[in-house]
Amino acid sequence: MARGHELGRSGEALAAELLERSGWTILERNFRFGHKEIDLVARRGRTVAFVEVKTRGGTNCGHPLDAVDGRKRAQVARVAHYWVQRHGRPADRYRFDAIAIRWEGGRPNVEHIEDAWRL
């Protein structure tokens, strides 16, 4: 497994832990539709968050969320739409969150942006 892939998976695990400590239930990890995926699908009450997680090993590559551009948001939205068709409930509210993780000095710097974008 490539180092970048390992870093991404560890970031997703850390993000899931953060969400669970904040009262969220992780419904899905790496939910796929075709070749696209949503890193995490989480529920708290009637709110379902589709969470994109970006992890960087340092500060040399810019901010992790720079990679969540319009194209990436559209891909996540397509997968989210499919998830809602299969698992959604009429009273649910849906949103898109982003979690950025930067490893600095051997410690993670985690930033959770709730309702990070809208369609």
N, C-alpha and C. Protein backbone atom coordinates (compact mmCIF):
# COMPACT_ATOMS: atom_id res chain seq x y z
N MET A 1 0.85 -1.18 0.00
CA MET A 1 0.00 0.00 0.00
C MET A 1 0.89 1.24 0.00
N ALA A 2 0.56 2.22 -0.79
CA ALA A 2 1.35 3.43 -0.90
C ALA A 2 1.23 4.27 0.36
N ARG A 3 2.28 5.03 0.64
CA ARG A 3 2.30 5.90 1.84
C ARG A 3 1.14 6.88 1.84
N GLY A 4 0.83 7.47 0.71
CA GLY A 4 -0.28 8.42 0.62
C GLY A 4 -1.61 7.76 0.95
N HIS A 5 -1.79 6.53 0.49
CA HIS A 5 -3.03 5.81 0.77
C HIS A 5 -3.14 5.52 2.27
N GLU A 6 -2.04 5.12 2.88
CA GLU A 6 -2.03 4.87 4.33
C GLU A 6 -2.34 6.14 5.10
N LEU A 7 -1.75 7.25 4.69
CA LEU A 7 -1.99 8.53 5.33
C LEU A 7 -3.47 8.91 5.23
N GLY A 8 -4.05 8.72 4.05
CA GLY A 8 -5.47 9.02 3.85
C GLY A 8 -6.37 8.17 4.72
N ARG A 9 -6.09 6.88 4.79
CA ARG A 9 -6.91 5.98 5.62
C ARG A 9 -6.77 6.33 7.10
N SER A 10 -5.56 6.67 7.54
CA SER A 10 -5.41 7.03 8.95
C SER A 10 -6.13 8.34 9.24
N GLY A 11 -6.14 9.26 8.28
CA GLY A 11 -6.88 10.51 8.45
C GLY A 11 -8.38 10.27 8.55
N GLU A 12 -8.88 9.37 7.72
CA GLU A 12 -10.31 9.04 7.77
C GLU A 12 -10.68 8.41 9.11
N ALA A 13 -9.81 7.54 9.64
CA ALA A 13 -10.06 6.93 10.94
C ALA A 13 -10.07 7.99 12.04
N LEU A 14 -9.13 8.92 11.98
CA LEU A 14 -9.07 10.00 12.96
C LEU A 14 -10.31 10.88 12.87
N ALA A 15 -10.74 11.19 11.66
CA ALA A 15 -11.94 12.00 11.47
C ALA A 15 -13.17 11.30 12.02
N ALA A 16 -13.28 10.00 11.80
CA ALA A 16 -14.41 9.23 12.32
C ALA A 16 -14.43 9.28 13.85
N GLU A 17 -13.26 9.14 14.46
CA GLU A 17 -13.18 9.22 15.93
C GLU A 17 -13.63 10.59 16.43
N LEU A 18 -13.19 11.63 15.75
CA LEU A 18 -13.57 13.00 16.12
C LEU A 18 -15.09 13.16 16.06
N LEU A 19 -15.68 12.69 14.98
CA LEU A 19 -17.13 12.81 14.83
C LEU A 19 -17.86 12.00 15.90
N GLU A 20 -17.42 10.80 16.17
CA GLU A 20 -18.07 9.97 17.19
C GLU A 20 -17.98 10.61 18.57
N ARG A 21 -16.84 11.23 18.89
CA ARG A 21 -16.70 11.94 20.17
C ARG A 21 -17.64 13.14 20.25
N SER A 22 -18.04 13.65 19.09
CA SER A 22 -18.96 14.80 19.03
C SER A 22 -20.42 14.37 18.91
N GLY A 23 -20.70 13.08 19.12
CA GLY A 23 -22.08 12.60 19.13
C GLY A 23 -22.61 12.09 17.81
N TRP A 24 -21.77 11.97 16.81
CA TRP A 24 -22.18 11.45 15.51
C TRP A 24 -22.05 9.93 15.49
N THR A 25 -22.90 9.29 14.70
CA THR A 25 -22.80 7.87 14.43
C THR A 25 -22.31 7.72 12.99
N ILE A 26 -21.26 6.94 12.81
CA ILE A 26 -20.75 6.71 11.46
C ILE A 26 -21.62 5.64 10.81
N LEU A 27 -22.30 6.02 9.73
CA LEU A 27 -23.17 5.09 9.00
C LEU A 27 -22.41 4.34 7.92
N GLU A 28 -21.47 5.02 7.29
CA GLU A 28 -20.72 4.42 6.18
C GLU A 28 -19.30 4.96 6.20
N ARG A 29 -18.39 4.11 5.79
CA ARG A 29 -17.01 4.52 5.51
C ARG A 29 -16.73 4.13 4.08
N ASN A 30 -16.21 5.07 3.31
CA ASN A 30 -15.86 4.83 1.91
C ASN A 30 -17.04 4.27 1.12
N PHE A 31 -18.17 4.95 1.22
CA PHE A 31 -19.37 4.55 0.48
C PHE A 31 -19.14 4.86 -0.99
N ARG A 32 -19.31 3.84 -1.84
CA ARG A 32 -19.01 3.97 -3.26
C ARG A 32 -20.26 3.95 -4.13
N PHE A 33 -20.15 4.72 -5.20
CA PHE A 33 -21.11 4.68 -6.29
C PHE A 33 -20.27 4.77 -7.56
N GLY A 34 -20.20 3.65 -8.28
CA GLY A 34 -19.30 3.60 -9.43
C GLY A 34 -17.86 3.69 -8.94
N HIS A 35 -17.10 4.58 -9.54
CA HIS A 35 -15.70 4.75 -9.16
C HIS A 35 -15.51 5.86 -8.14
N LYS A 36 -16.56 6.50 -7.72
CA LYS A 36 -16.48 7.63 -6.79
C LYS A 36 -16.91 7.19 -5.40
N GLU A 37 -16.46 7.94 -4.38
CA GLU A 37 -16.82 7.57 -3.03
C GLU A 37 -16.96 8.78 -2.14
N ILE A 38 -17.66 8.57 -1.04
CA ILE A 38 -17.73 9.53 0.06
C ILE A 38 -16.93 8.90 1.20
N ASP A 39 -16.04 9.68 1.78
CA ASP A 39 -15.18 9.14 2.84
C ASP A 39 -16.00 8.66 4.04
N LEU A 40 -16.88 9.51 4.54
CA LEU A 40 -17.70 9.17 5.71
C LEU A 40 -19.12 9.68 5.52
N VAL A 41 -20.07 8.88 5.96
CA VAL A 41 -21.47 9.33 6.07
C VAL A 41 -21.80 9.19 7.55
N ALA A 42 -22.22 10.29 8.15
CA ALA A 42 -22.45 10.31 9.59
C ALA A 42 -23.83 10.88 9.91
N ARG A 43 -24.40 10.42 11.03
CA ARG A 43 -25.71 10.89 11.46
C ARG A 43 -25.64 11.37 12.90
N ARG A 44 -26.30 12.50 13.14
CA ARG A 44 -26.55 12.98 14.50
C ARG A 44 -27.97 13.52 14.48
N GLY A 45 -28.85 12.80 15.18
CA GLY A 45 -30.27 13.18 15.14
C GLY A 45 -30.81 12.97 13.73
N ARG A 46 -31.45 14.02 13.20
CA ARG A 46 -32.00 13.93 11.84
C ARG A 46 -31.06 14.50 10.78
N THR A 47 -29.86 14.87 11.20
CA THR A 47 -28.90 15.42 10.25
C THR A 47 -27.94 14.33 9.78
N VAL A 48 -27.81 14.24 8.48
CA VAL A 48 -26.84 13.33 7.87
C VAL A 48 -25.79 14.19 7.19
N ALA A 49 -24.53 13.93 7.53
CA ALA A 49 -23.42 14.67 6.93
C ALA A 49 -22.63 13.75 6.02
N PHE A 50 -22.39 14.23 4.80
CA PHE A 50 -21.51 13.56 3.86
C PHE A 50 -20.15 14.25 4.02
N VAL A 51 -19.16 13.51 4.49
CA VAL A 51 -17.91 14.12 4.95
C VAL A 51 -16.75 13.75 4.02
N GLU A 52 -16.12 14.77 3.48
CA GLU A 52 -14.90 14.60 2.70
C GLU A 52 -13.72 14.88 3.63
N VAL A 53 -12.78 13.93 3.70
CA VAL A 53 -11.62 14.05 4.58
C VAL A 53 -10.37 14.19 3.71
N LYS A 54 -9.58 15.19 4.01
CA LYS A 54 -8.31 15.39 3.30
C LYS A 54 -7.19 15.46 4.32
N THR A 55 -6.16 14.66 4.11
CA THR A 55 -5.04 14.58 5.04
C THR A 55 -3.74 14.89 4.31
N ARG A 56 -2.89 15.67 4.97
CA ARG A 56 -1.58 16.00 4.43
C ARG A 56 -0.53 15.70 5.49
N GLY A 57 0.63 15.25 5.04
CA GLY A 57 1.71 14.89 5.94
C GLY A 57 2.49 16.09 6.45
N GLY A 58 2.16 17.27 6.01
CA GLY A 58 2.86 18.48 6.43
C GLY A 58 2.24 19.69 5.77
N THR A 59 2.98 20.78 5.76
CA THR A 59 2.44 22.03 5.21
C THR A 59 2.97 22.33 3.81
N ASN A 60 3.81 21.47 3.26
CA ASN A 60 4.43 21.73 1.96
C ASN A 60 3.47 21.69 0.78
N CYS A 61 2.36 20.97 0.92
CA CYS A 61 1.43 20.78 -0.21
C CYS A 61 0.23 21.71 -0.13
N GLY A 62 0.27 22.73 0.69
CA GLY A 62 -0.86 23.62 0.83
C GLY A 62 -1.90 23.07 1.80
N HIS A 63 -2.97 23.79 1.93
CA HIS A 63 -4.04 23.38 2.84
C HIS A 63 -4.76 22.16 2.27
N PRO A 64 -5.09 21.18 3.10
CA PRO A 64 -5.74 19.96 2.59
C PRO A 64 -7.04 20.24 1.83
N LEU A 65 -7.79 21.25 2.26
CA LEU A 65 -9.08 21.49 1.63
C LEU A 65 -8.98 22.19 0.28
N ASP A 66 -7.76 22.58 -0.10
CA ASP A 66 -7.58 23.13 -1.45
C ASP A 66 -7.95 22.08 -2.50
N ALA A 67 -7.87 20.80 -2.13
CA ALA A 67 -8.19 19.71 -3.05
C ALA A 67 -9.68 19.47 -3.20
N VAL A 68 -10.49 20.13 -2.37
CA VAL A 68 -11.95 19.95 -2.46
C VAL A 68 -12.49 21.09 -3.34
N ASP A 69 -12.21 20.95 -4.61
CA ASP A 69 -12.62 21.96 -5.58
C ASP A 69 -14.02 21.66 -6.12
N GLY A 70 -14.46 22.44 -7.05
CA GLY A 70 -15.81 22.27 -7.61
C GLY A 70 -16.04 20.89 -8.19
N ARG A 71 -15.05 20.36 -8.86
CA ARG A 71 -15.18 19.01 -9.44
C ARG A 71 -15.36 17.96 -8.35
N LYS A 72 -14.54 18.06 -7.29
CA LYS A 72 -14.64 17.09 -6.20
C LYS A 72 -15.98 17.22 -5.49
N ARG A 73 -16.45 18.43 -5.26
CA ARG A 73 -17.76 18.64 -4.62
C ARG A 73 -18.88 18.04 -5.45
N ALA A 74 -18.80 18.18 -6.76
CA ALA A 74 -19.82 17.60 -7.65
C ALA A 74 -19.80 16.08 -7.58
N GLN A 75 -18.60 15.49 -7.52
CA GLN A 75 -18.50 14.03 -7.41
C GLN A 75 -19.12 13.54 -6.09
N VAL A 76 -18.80 14.22 -5.01
CA VAL A 76 -19.35 13.85 -3.70
C VAL A 76 -20.87 13.99 -3.73
N ALA A 77 -21.36 15.03 -4.37
CA ALA A 77 -22.81 15.25 -4.45
C ALA A 77 -23.50 14.12 -5.21
N ARG A 78 -22.89 13.62 -6.28
CA ARG A 78 -23.49 12.52 -7.03
C ARG A 78 -23.59 11.26 -6.17
N VAL A 79 -22.54 10.98 -5.43
CA VAL A 79 -22.56 9.80 -4.55
C VAL A 79 -23.57 10.01 -3.42
N ALA A 80 -23.63 11.22 -2.89
CA ALA A 80 -24.59 11.52 -1.82
C ALA A 80 -26.02 11.34 -2.31
N HIS A 81 -26.29 11.78 -3.53
CA HIS A 81 -27.64 11.63 -4.09
C HIS A 81 -28.01 10.14 -4.16
N TYR A 82 -27.07 9.32 -4.59
CA TYR A 82 -27.30 7.88 -4.65
C TYR A 82 -27.56 7.32 -3.25
N TRP A 83 -26.77 7.77 -2.26
CA TRP A 83 -26.96 7.30 -0.88
C TRP A 83 -28.35 7.67 -0.38
N VAL A 84 -28.78 8.90 -0.64
CA VAL A 84 -30.11 9.35 -0.19
C VAL A 84 -31.20 8.51 -0.83
N GLN A 85 -31.06 8.19 -2.12
CA GLN A 85 -32.05 7.34 -2.79
C GLN A 85 -32.15 5.98 -2.11
N ARG A 86 -31.06 5.41 -1.68
CA ARG A 86 -31.05 4.09 -1.08
C ARG A 86 -31.39 4.09 0.41
N HIS A 87 -30.94 5.11 1.15
CA HIS A 87 -31.03 5.06 2.61
C HIS A 87 -31.71 6.25 3.26
N GLY A 88 -32.05 7.25 2.48
CA GLY A 88 -32.58 8.48 3.05
C GLY A 88 -33.95 8.31 3.70
N ARG A 89 -34.24 9.21 4.60
CA ARG A 89 -35.53 9.24 5.29
C ARG A 89 -36.17 10.60 5.02
N PRO A 90 -37.50 10.65 4.92
CA PRO A 90 -38.16 11.91 4.58
C PRO A 90 -37.83 13.07 5.52
N ALA A 91 -37.65 12.81 6.81
CA ALA A 91 -37.42 13.90 7.76
C ALA A 91 -35.94 14.29 7.89
N ASP A 92 -35.05 13.58 7.22
CA ASP A 92 -33.62 13.87 7.35
C ASP A 92 -33.25 15.19 6.70
N ARG A 93 -32.22 15.81 7.27
CA ARG A 93 -31.59 17.00 6.68
C ARG A 93 -30.19 16.56 6.26
N TYR A 94 -29.74 17.06 5.13
CA TYR A 94 -28.46 16.63 4.59
C TYR A 94 -27.53 17.83 4.44
N ARG A 95 -26.25 17.56 4.65
CA ARG A 95 -25.26 18.61 4.46
C ARG A 95 -23.93 17.98 4.08
N PHE A 96 -23.02 18.82 3.60
CA PHE A 96 -21.68 18.41 3.22
C PHE A 96 -20.69 19.03 4.20
N ASP A 97 -19.90 18.20 4.85
CA ASP A 97 -18.86 18.65 5.76
C ASP A 97 -17.50 18.31 5.16
N ALA A 98 -16.48 18.98 5.65
CA ALA A 98 -15.11 18.68 5.25
C ALA A 98 -14.25 18.66 6.51
N ILE A 99 -13.32 17.72 6.53
CA ILE A 99 -12.37 17.65 7.64
C ILE A 99 -10.97 17.66 7.04
N ALA A 100 -10.18 18.63 7.48
CA ALA A 100 -8.79 18.76 7.05
C ALA A 100 -7.88 18.31 8.18
N ILE A 101 -6.91 17.48 7.84
CA ILE A 101 -5.95 17.00 8.83
C ILE A 101 -4.56 17.26 8.28
N ARG A 102 -3.76 17.98 9.06
CA ARG A 102 -2.36 18.24 8.72
C ARG A 102 -1.50 17.73 9.85
N TRP A 103 -0.55 16.87 9.52
CA TRP A 103 0.39 16.37 10.51
C TRP A 103 1.53 17.36 10.63
N GLU A 104 1.70 17.90 11.83
CA GLU A 104 2.73 18.90 12.08
C GLU A 104 3.48 18.48 13.34
N GLY A 105 4.76 18.24 13.23
CA GLY A 105 5.55 17.85 14.39
C GLY A 105 5.08 16.55 15.02
N GLY A 106 4.58 15.62 14.19
CA GLY A 106 4.13 14.33 14.70
C GLY A 106 2.76 14.33 15.33
N ARG A 107 2.07 15.47 15.27
CA ARG A 107 0.73 15.56 15.86
C ARG A 107 -0.26 16.06 14.80
N PRO A 108 -1.49 15.57 14.86
CA PRO A 108 -2.48 16.02 13.87
C PRO A 108 -3.11 17.35 14.25
N ASN A 109 -3.23 18.21 13.29
CA ASN A 109 -3.99 19.45 13.42
C ASN A 109 -5.28 19.21 12.64
N VAL A 110 -6.42 19.12 13.34
CA VAL A 110 -7.69 18.74 12.72
C VAL A 110 -8.63 19.93 12.68
N GLU A 111 -9.22 20.15 11.51
CA GLU A 111 -10.17 21.24 11.31
C GLU A 111 -11.45 20.65 10.69
N HIS A 112 -12.57 20.79 11.41
CA HIS A 112 -13.86 20.30 10.92
C HIS A 112 -14.69 21.49 10.47
N ILE A 113 -15.03 21.51 9.19
CA ILE A 113 -15.86 22.58 8.65
C ILE A 113 -17.24 21.99 8.41
N GLU A 114 -18.19 22.38 9.26
CA GLU A 114 -19.56 21.92 9.12
C GLU A 114 -20.24 22.71 8.00
N ASP A 115 -21.10 22.01 7.26
CA ASP A 115 -21.83 22.65 6.17
C ASP A 115 -20.86 23.41 5.26
N ALA A 116 -19.81 22.70 4.82
CA ALA A 116 -18.68 23.29 4.10
C ALA A 116 -19.06 23.85 2.74
N TRP A 117 -20.05 23.27 2.09
CA TRP A 117 -20.53 23.78 0.80
C TRP A 117 -21.96 23.35 0.60
N ARG A 118 -22.60 24.03 -0.31
CA ARG A 118 -23.98 23.74 -0.68
C ARG A 118 -24.07 23.62 -2.18
N LEU A 119 -25.07 22.90 -2.61
CA LEU A 119 -25.25 22.73 -4.06
C LEU A 119 -26.04 23.88 -4.62
